[in-house]
Protein backbone atom coordinates (compact mmCIF):
# COMPACT_ATOMS: atom_id res chain seq x y z
CA MET A 1 56.36 38.49 186.45
CA VAL A 2 53.97 35.48 186.41
CA VAL A 3 50.39 36.26 187.71
CA ILE A 4 47.52 33.81 188.30
CA SER A 5 44.58 34.48 185.97
CA PRO A 6 41.45 35.13 188.17
CA PRO A 7 38.52 32.73 188.35
CA ASN A 8 35.01 33.42 187.36
CA PRO A 9 31.64 32.31 188.61
CA THR A 10 31.27 30.11 185.52
CA ASP A 11 34.34 28.00 186.47
CA THR A 12 33.80 24.37 187.67
CA ARG A 13 34.42 23.64 191.29
CA SER A 14 37.55 21.84 190.25
CA ALA A 15 38.87 24.93 188.45
CA LEU A 16 38.12 27.16 191.39
CA ALA A 17 39.88 24.81 193.82
CA ASP A 18 42.96 24.80 191.61
CA TRP A 19 42.88 28.54 191.45
CA LEU A 20 42.79 28.65 195.22
CA GLU A 21 45.63 26.12 195.48
CA LEU A 22 47.81 28.20 193.19
CA ARG A 23 46.90 31.39 195.26
CA THR A 24 47.83 29.64 198.41
CA LEU A 25 51.31 28.57 196.94
CA MET A 26 51.87 32.30 195.93
CA ASP A 27 50.79 33.76 199.28
CA THR A 28 53.79 34.62 201.44
CA ARG A 29 52.08 33.06 204.50
CA GLY A 30 50.79 30.25 202.56
CA VAL A 31 47.18 30.81 203.54
CA SER A 32 43.90 31.48 201.47
CA THR A 33 40.39 31.98 202.97
CA ARG A 34 36.74 32.32 201.91
CA ALA A 35 37.58 36.06 201.83
CA THR A 36 40.19 35.37 199.08
CA LEU A 37 37.65 34.16 196.80
CA LEU A 38 34.95 36.64 197.80
CA ASN A 39 37.40 39.53 197.24
CA VAL A 40 38.27 38.40 193.72
CA LEU A 41 34.64 38.04 192.89
CA ASP A 42 34.08 41.59 194.10
CA ILE A 43 36.78 42.76 191.81
CA LEU A 44 35.28 40.84 188.88
CA GLU A 45 31.80 42.13 189.61
CA ASP A 46 33.13 45.82 189.97
CA GLY A 47 34.82 45.46 186.58
CA ALA A 48 31.62 44.09 184.91
CA ALA A 49 30.15 46.33 182.27
CA GLU A 50 26.44 45.61 183.33
CA PRO A 51 25.46 47.58 186.46
CA ASP A 52 22.47 45.67 187.23
CA PRO A 53 22.87 41.88 186.64
CA VAL A 54 20.06 40.14 185.07
CA ASP A 55 18.87 36.50 184.87
CA VAL A 56 19.91 35.32 181.54
CA GLU A 57 16.60 33.23 180.95
CA THR A 58 14.01 35.81 182.05
CA GLY A 59 15.91 39.14 181.64
CA GLU A 60 14.86 40.33 184.98
CA VAL A 61 17.20 42.19 187.23
CA LEU A 62 18.52 39.87 190.00
CA ASP A 63 17.56 40.58 193.61
CA GLU A 64 20.91 41.44 195.71
CA ALA A 65 19.85 38.44 198.08
CA ILE A 66 20.10 36.04 195.16
CA LEU A 67 23.35 37.39 194.10
CA GLU A 68 24.78 37.14 197.73
CA GLY A 69 23.49 33.53 197.82
CA ASP A 70 25.32 32.76 194.58
CA ARG A 71 28.57 34.11 196.00
CA HIS A 72 28.33 32.02 199.15
CA GLN A 73 27.62 28.88 196.75
CA PHE A 74 30.68 29.89 194.90
CA VAL A 75 32.78 29.51 198.01
CA ASP A 76 31.02 26.58 199.43
CA VAL A 77 31.54 24.22 196.43
CA THR A 78 35.19 25.31 196.16
CA PHE A 79 35.84 24.15 199.81
CA GLU A 80 33.81 20.96 199.21
CA GLU A 81 36.15 20.12 196.40
CA LEU A 82 39.29 20.84 198.44
CA ARG A 83 37.97 18.73 201.26
CA TYR A 84 37.31 15.90 198.79
CA ARG A 85 40.90 16.12 197.55
CA SER A 86 42.24 16.20 201.14
CA ASP A 87 40.26 13.20 202.20
CA LEU A 88 41.33 11.10 199.33
CA LEU A 89 45.03 11.89 199.43
CA GLY A 90 45.81 12.34 203.09
CA ASP A 91 49.41 13.30 203.61
CA SER A 92 50.07 13.41 199.83
CA TYR A 93 47.87 16.44 199.62
CA PRO A 94 50.29 19.40 199.97
CA PHE A 95 47.59 21.75 201.68
CA GLU A 96 45.52 21.58 204.90
CA VAL A 97 41.87 22.28 204.58
CA ASP A 98 39.87 23.79 207.47
CA ALA A 99 36.44 23.16 206.18
CA ALA A 100 34.70 24.82 209.24
CA ARG A 101 36.64 28.05 208.80
CA GLN A 102 36.99 27.55 205.13
CA ARG A 103 40.66 28.21 205.06
CA LEU A 104 43.31 26.52 202.91
CA THR A 105 46.99 26.47 204.17
CA ARG A 106 50.15 25.14 202.56
CA ARG A 107 51.39 22.35 204.62
CA SER A 108 54.21 23.33 206.96
CA ASP A 109 55.75 19.85 206.54
CA GLU A 110 55.79 20.18 202.65
CA HIS A 111 59.09 18.92 201.37
CA ALA A 112 60.66 17.61 198.25
CA ASP A 113 61.04 13.94 199.62
CA HIS A 114 57.25 13.36 199.84
CA ALA A 115 56.50 11.71 196.41
CA GLY A 116 52.84 12.27 196.56
CA GLN A 117 53.13 15.97 197.32
CA VAL A 118 55.74 16.41 194.66
CA VAL A 119 53.52 14.57 192.06
CA TYR A 120 50.37 16.47 193.09
CA LEU A 121 52.26 19.81 192.79
CA PHE A 122 53.56 18.83 189.37
CA CYS A 123 50.13 17.87 188.08
CA LEU A 124 48.62 21.23 189.46
CA LEU A 125 51.31 23.37 187.87
CA ALA A 126 51.20 21.38 184.59
CA SER A 127 47.48 21.75 184.44
CA ALA A 128 47.73 25.49 185.15
CA ILE A 129 50.46 26.06 182.39
CA ARG A 130 48.33 24.10 179.90
CA GLU A 131 45.14 26.06 180.71
CA ARG A 132 47.06 29.28 180.64
CA ARG A 133 46.13 30.03 184.31
CA LEU A 134 49.59 31.18 184.90
CA GLN A 135 50.24 34.26 182.67
CA ALA A 136 53.49 35.40 181.12
CA ALA A 137 53.70 32.00 179.28
CA THR A 138 57.14 32.99 177.73
CA VAL A 139 58.64 32.78 181.17
CA LEU A 140 57.46 29.30 181.52
CA SER A 141 58.03 28.19 178.05
CA GLN A 142 60.89 25.95 179.04
CA ALA A 143 58.77 24.37 181.93
CA GLU A 144 56.07 23.66 179.29
CA GLN A 145 58.41 22.03 177.01
CA ASP A 146 59.47 19.69 179.76
CA ILE A 147 55.96 18.66 180.96
CA ALA A 148 55.43 15.65 178.74
CA ASP A 149 58.78 14.03 179.84
CA SER A 150 58.15 14.52 183.47
CA PHE A 151 54.53 13.67 183.34
CA GLN A 152 55.45 10.16 181.79
CA ILE A 153 57.60 9.59 184.75
CA CYS A 154 54.53 10.25 186.96
CA ALA A 155 52.25 8.14 184.92
CA CYS A 156 54.83 5.14 185.13
CA LEU A 157 55.07 5.56 188.89
CA ALA A 158 51.20 5.48 189.14
CA ALA A 159 50.99 2.35 186.99
CA GLY A 160 53.62 0.65 189.11
CA GLY A 161 51.80 1.56 192.33
CA TYR A 162 48.46 0.40 190.88
CA LEU A 163 49.52 -2.95 189.50
CA ASN A 164 52.37 -3.56 192.08
CA GLY A 165 54.29 -4.93 189.04
CA ASP A 166 56.61 -3.95 186.22
CA VAL A 167 56.47 -0.96 184.05
CA SER A 168 58.09 0.13 180.81
CA SER A 169 58.48 3.77 180.02
CA PHE A 170 57.61 3.43 176.19
CA GLY A 171 56.85 6.87 175.25
CA PHE A 172 59.14 9.00 173.01
CA PRO A 173 61.74 10.30 173.51
CA ARG A 174 62.87 7.35 175.59
CA ALA A 175 65.61 7.82 178.32
CA SER A 176 67.41 4.89 176.80
CA GLY A 177 67.49 6.59 173.32
CA SER A 178 66.44 3.25 171.66
CA GLY A 179 64.16 3.16 168.64
CA PHE A 180 60.63 1.83 168.38
CA LEU A 181 61.37 -1.85 167.51
CA THR A 182 64.31 -2.15 169.85
CA ALA A 183 62.29 -0.60 172.67
CA LEU A 184 59.54 -2.98 171.83
CA ARG A 185 61.84 -6.10 171.94
CA GLU A 186 63.33 -4.89 175.24
CA THR A 187 59.86 -4.43 176.84
CA PHE A 188 58.50 -7.80 175.79
CA ALA A 189 61.72 -9.67 176.71
CA ARG A 190 60.85 -8.34 180.18
CA PHE A 191 57.25 -9.24 179.69
CA GLY A 192 58.25 -12.90 179.07
CA ILE A 193 56.18 -13.60 175.97
CA GLY A 194 55.51 -12.16 172.41
CA ARG A 195 57.65 -12.15 169.41
CA VAL A 196 58.28 -8.74 167.84
CA ARG A 197 58.99 -8.67 164.16
CA ASP A 198 62.55 -8.65 162.91
CA ASN A 199 63.66 -5.45 161.01
CA ASP A 200 63.75 -7.50 157.61
CA ASP A 201 60.19 -8.96 158.37
CA ILE A 202 58.16 -5.68 158.34
CA PRO A 203 55.33 -5.84 155.69
CA ASP A 204 55.45 -3.29 152.90
CA GLY A 205 53.32 -0.14 153.75
CA LEU A 206 53.99 -0.24 157.49
CA PRO A 207 55.42 2.90 158.94
CA THR A 208 59.20 2.86 159.03
CA SER A 209 59.94 5.64 161.51
CA LEU A 210 57.40 5.20 164.26
CA LYS A 211 58.32 6.79 167.65
CA ASP A 212 56.06 5.14 170.09
CA GLY A 213 52.89 4.15 168.10
CA GLY A 214 50.81 6.29 170.40
CA ILE A 215 51.73 4.31 173.55
CA ASP A 216 53.58 5.71 176.60
CA VAL A 217 53.23 3.32 179.32
CA ILE A 218 53.29 -0.57 179.24
CA ALA A 219 52.84 -2.31 182.62
CA TRP A 220 52.04 -5.82 183.90
CA ARG A 221 51.95 -7.95 187.09
CA ASN A 222 53.69 -11.27 186.98
CA HIS A 223 52.51 -14.49 188.65
CA PRO A 224 55.08 -16.26 191.02
CA ASP A 225 55.16 -19.04 188.25
CA GLY A 226 56.18 -16.44 185.50
CA MET A 227 53.44 -17.98 183.16
CA PRO A 228 51.40 -15.95 180.65
CA GLY A 229 47.80 -14.75 181.37
CA LYS A 230 48.53 -11.76 183.57
CA LEU A 231 47.23 -8.16 184.34
CA TYR A 232 48.52 -6.21 181.44
CA LEU A 233 48.06 -2.47 181.01
CA ILE A 234 48.79 -0.18 178.03
CA GLY A 235 48.41 3.50 178.62
CA GLN A 236 48.78 6.86 176.99
CA CYS A 237 49.65 10.20 178.62
CA ALA A 238 47.72 13.34 177.57
CA SER A 239 48.80 16.59 179.47
CA GLY A 240 46.44 18.91 177.52
CA LEU A 241 42.70 19.73 177.82
CA GLN A 242 42.12 17.94 174.69
CA TRP A 243 42.74 14.48 176.08
CA ARG A 244 39.31 13.18 175.07
CA GLU A 245 40.32 13.61 171.48
CA LYS A 246 42.82 10.58 172.15
CA SER A 247 42.33 7.05 172.98
CA VAL A 248 44.90 4.26 173.23
CA VAL A 249 42.51 1.63 172.29
CA GLU A 250 43.06 1.91 168.60
CA TYR A 251 46.74 1.94 169.05
CA ILE A 252 46.72 -1.27 171.11
CA ARG A 253 45.01 -2.93 168.09
CA GLN A 254 47.81 -1.70 165.80
CA LEU A 255 50.50 -2.64 168.10
CA HIS A 256 49.51 -6.32 168.57
CA GLY A 257 48.25 -6.63 165.03
CA SER A 258 51.15 -5.15 163.13
CA TRP A 259 54.34 -5.57 165.15
CA PHE A 260 54.11 -9.01 166.54
CA THR A 261 54.50 -12.38 164.70
CA HIS A 262 53.39 -13.91 168.21
CA ARG A 263 51.15 -11.60 170.21
CA PRO A 264 51.96 -11.39 173.87
CA ALA A 265 48.32 -11.57 175.00
CA GLU A 266 44.82 -11.54 173.66
CA HIS A 267 43.50 -9.17 176.47
CA SER A 268 44.86 -6.01 177.87
CA THR A 269 43.58 -3.00 179.74
CA PRO A 270 43.61 0.46 178.13
CA ALA A 271 44.58 3.39 180.37
CA MET A 272 44.74 7.17 180.06
CA PHE A 273 46.74 9.38 182.28
CA ILE A 274 45.81 13.03 182.66
CA PRO A 275 47.25 15.71 185.11
CA PHE A 276 43.73 17.25 185.72
CA PRO A 277 41.11 15.96 188.07
CA PHE A 278 38.82 13.91 185.89
CA HIS A 279 35.90 16.02 186.89
CA HIS A 280 37.71 19.29 186.03
CA ASP A 281 35.00 20.22 183.39
CA ILE A 282 31.96 18.86 185.11
CA SER A 283 29.57 21.67 186.43
CA GLU A 284 27.27 21.54 189.25
CA ARG A 285 24.28 19.39 189.11
CA ASN A 286 20.83 19.17 190.67
CA GLY A 287 21.65 15.82 192.30
CA PRO A 288 24.73 14.71 194.23
CA TYR A 289 27.83 15.92 192.54
CA LEU A 290 29.83 12.70 193.05
CA ASP A 291 26.98 10.78 191.38
CA ALA A 292 27.63 12.77 188.27
CA VAL A 293 31.37 12.25 188.47
CA LYS A 294 30.72 8.41 188.86
CA ASN A 295 28.38 8.45 185.86
CA ARG A 296 30.98 10.27 183.70
CA PHE A 297 33.75 7.83 184.72
CA TRP A 298 31.33 4.98 183.65
CA HIS A 299 30.44 6.82 180.44
CA GLU A 300 34.03 7.32 179.45
CA GLU A 301 35.50 3.96 180.45
CA PRO A 302 34.50 2.16 177.11
CA ARG A 303 36.58 4.58 175.15
CA PHE A 304 39.53 5.10 177.49
CA GLY A 305 39.82 2.22 179.90
CA VAL A 306 41.14 3.16 183.27
CA ILE A 307 41.46 6.83 183.66
CA PHE A 308 44.21 7.86 185.93
CA ASP A 309 43.51 11.55 186.78
CA ARG A 310 45.59 13.76 189.15
CA LEU A 311 44.29 12.29 192.35
CA ARG A 312 44.72 8.63 191.18
CA ILE A 313 48.14 9.43 189.85
CA THR A 314 49.21 11.02 193.07
CA HIS A 315 47.93 8.29 195.31
CA PHE A 316 49.45 5.40 193.21
CA ALA A 317 52.80 7.20 192.44
CA ASN A 318 53.20 7.85 196.20
CA ALA A 319 52.53 4.16 196.90
CA CYS A 320 55.02 3.18 194.27
CA MET A 321 57.86 5.40 195.69
CA ALA A 322 57.32 3.64 199.09
CA PHE A 323 58.05 0.22 197.60
CA ALA A 324 61.41 -1.57 198.41
CA ASP A 325 64.41 -0.60 196.28
CA SER A 326 64.39 -4.11 194.86
CA HIS A 327 60.84 -3.64 193.63
CA ARG A 328 61.22 -0.09 192.21
CA VAL A 329 64.09 -1.27 189.91
CA LYS A 330 61.32 -2.98 187.99
CA ILE A 331 59.37 0.33 187.34
CA ASP A 332 60.91 2.56 184.83
CA GLY A 333 60.81 6.30 186.04
CA CYS A 334 61.70 5.55 189.74
CA ASP A 335 65.26 6.26 189.01
CA ARG A 336 64.30 9.60 187.38
CA PHE A 337 61.98 10.92 190.01
CA ASP A 338 64.51 13.68 190.87
CA GLN A 339 63.65 15.05 187.44
CA VAL A 340 60.09 15.61 188.56
CA VAL A 341 61.27 17.14 191.93
CA SER A 342 63.55 19.61 190.01
CA TRP A 343 60.74 20.51 187.46
CA VAL A 344 58.51 21.42 190.51
CA SER A 345 61.14 23.37 192.25
CA SER A 346 62.33 25.30 189.21
CA THR A 347 58.75 26.06 188.07
CA ARG A 348 57.76 27.26 191.44
CA GLN A 349 60.73 29.59 191.55
CA THR A 350 60.13 30.88 188.04
CA ALA A 351 56.43 31.53 188.73
CA GLY A 352 57.00 33.08 192.12
CA LEU A 353 55.03 30.41 193.88
CA VAL A 354 57.13 30.57 197.05
CA HIS A 355 58.18 27.70 199.33
CA ILE A 356 58.92 28.75 202.82
């Protein structure tokens, strides 16, 4: 039996919102309310060892009215976050938010052929598994093993929807089964410029058994004339909470500097793809919360480039799957989207997150 680990008052608003979404998926009616959060907080407080909560700075026993205010703040910021997600994603958000009544409902029209909803649920469940929010991890071990492959599909769709161009799924293992240099040649033959080293032209000391060189997604947008000097994105996928320990920037330098005799471009845009909301670890601030999120994006951009988080991936993957068939054939992963659909369906079934 898979259970959802309870939240606690120190969780960020994003983590609290994730918990309520998971709880809503598990509920047989597909509904959660403010009472759902307040009840679990009551249980956590009843189980606390300290009978009289105290202020951590002053050591004074907290007034009951202060505690009650904190409880309501706990709920209010969660529903602010849920409304934010709903406003950004529209029909791609698989829940309906009633902000006035503070009620979250699983969409009655939720179905497997809505690409945005599928991608959102994939990212939500993948995040929960990586964070160990869903307990009984052994039951979900196969689902966890398959996260990386399905997430790369979602990332490719997001890159395609963002650039409205071509995408190569470069991360290992590749669906084609091709090795590193072969895949590189195939990708840049499509790109239209850039000469990859021949097998017998590799300088001594370079790795001889690279998988993907730290690069998962290569995307670009061609001009009508097909000439060089185009939007060119190189990205990495990171489905774990330690994503900030990675950056594709250093791998881009190695890619262009080591494996080409004629580099494809001088300038490229680095990108990072994560299944969490970008602000997942940002706590409340004294000022407007979205200002803090904006400043964090700005702060992280020099290291990671364009950060595609759960909300951006959902939006652009949904846009990608709405392209005409003639355009989707240029975007690796579109033909494998059923794999993501299957992962979401089987993981929900295994975890007991029902779908009515």
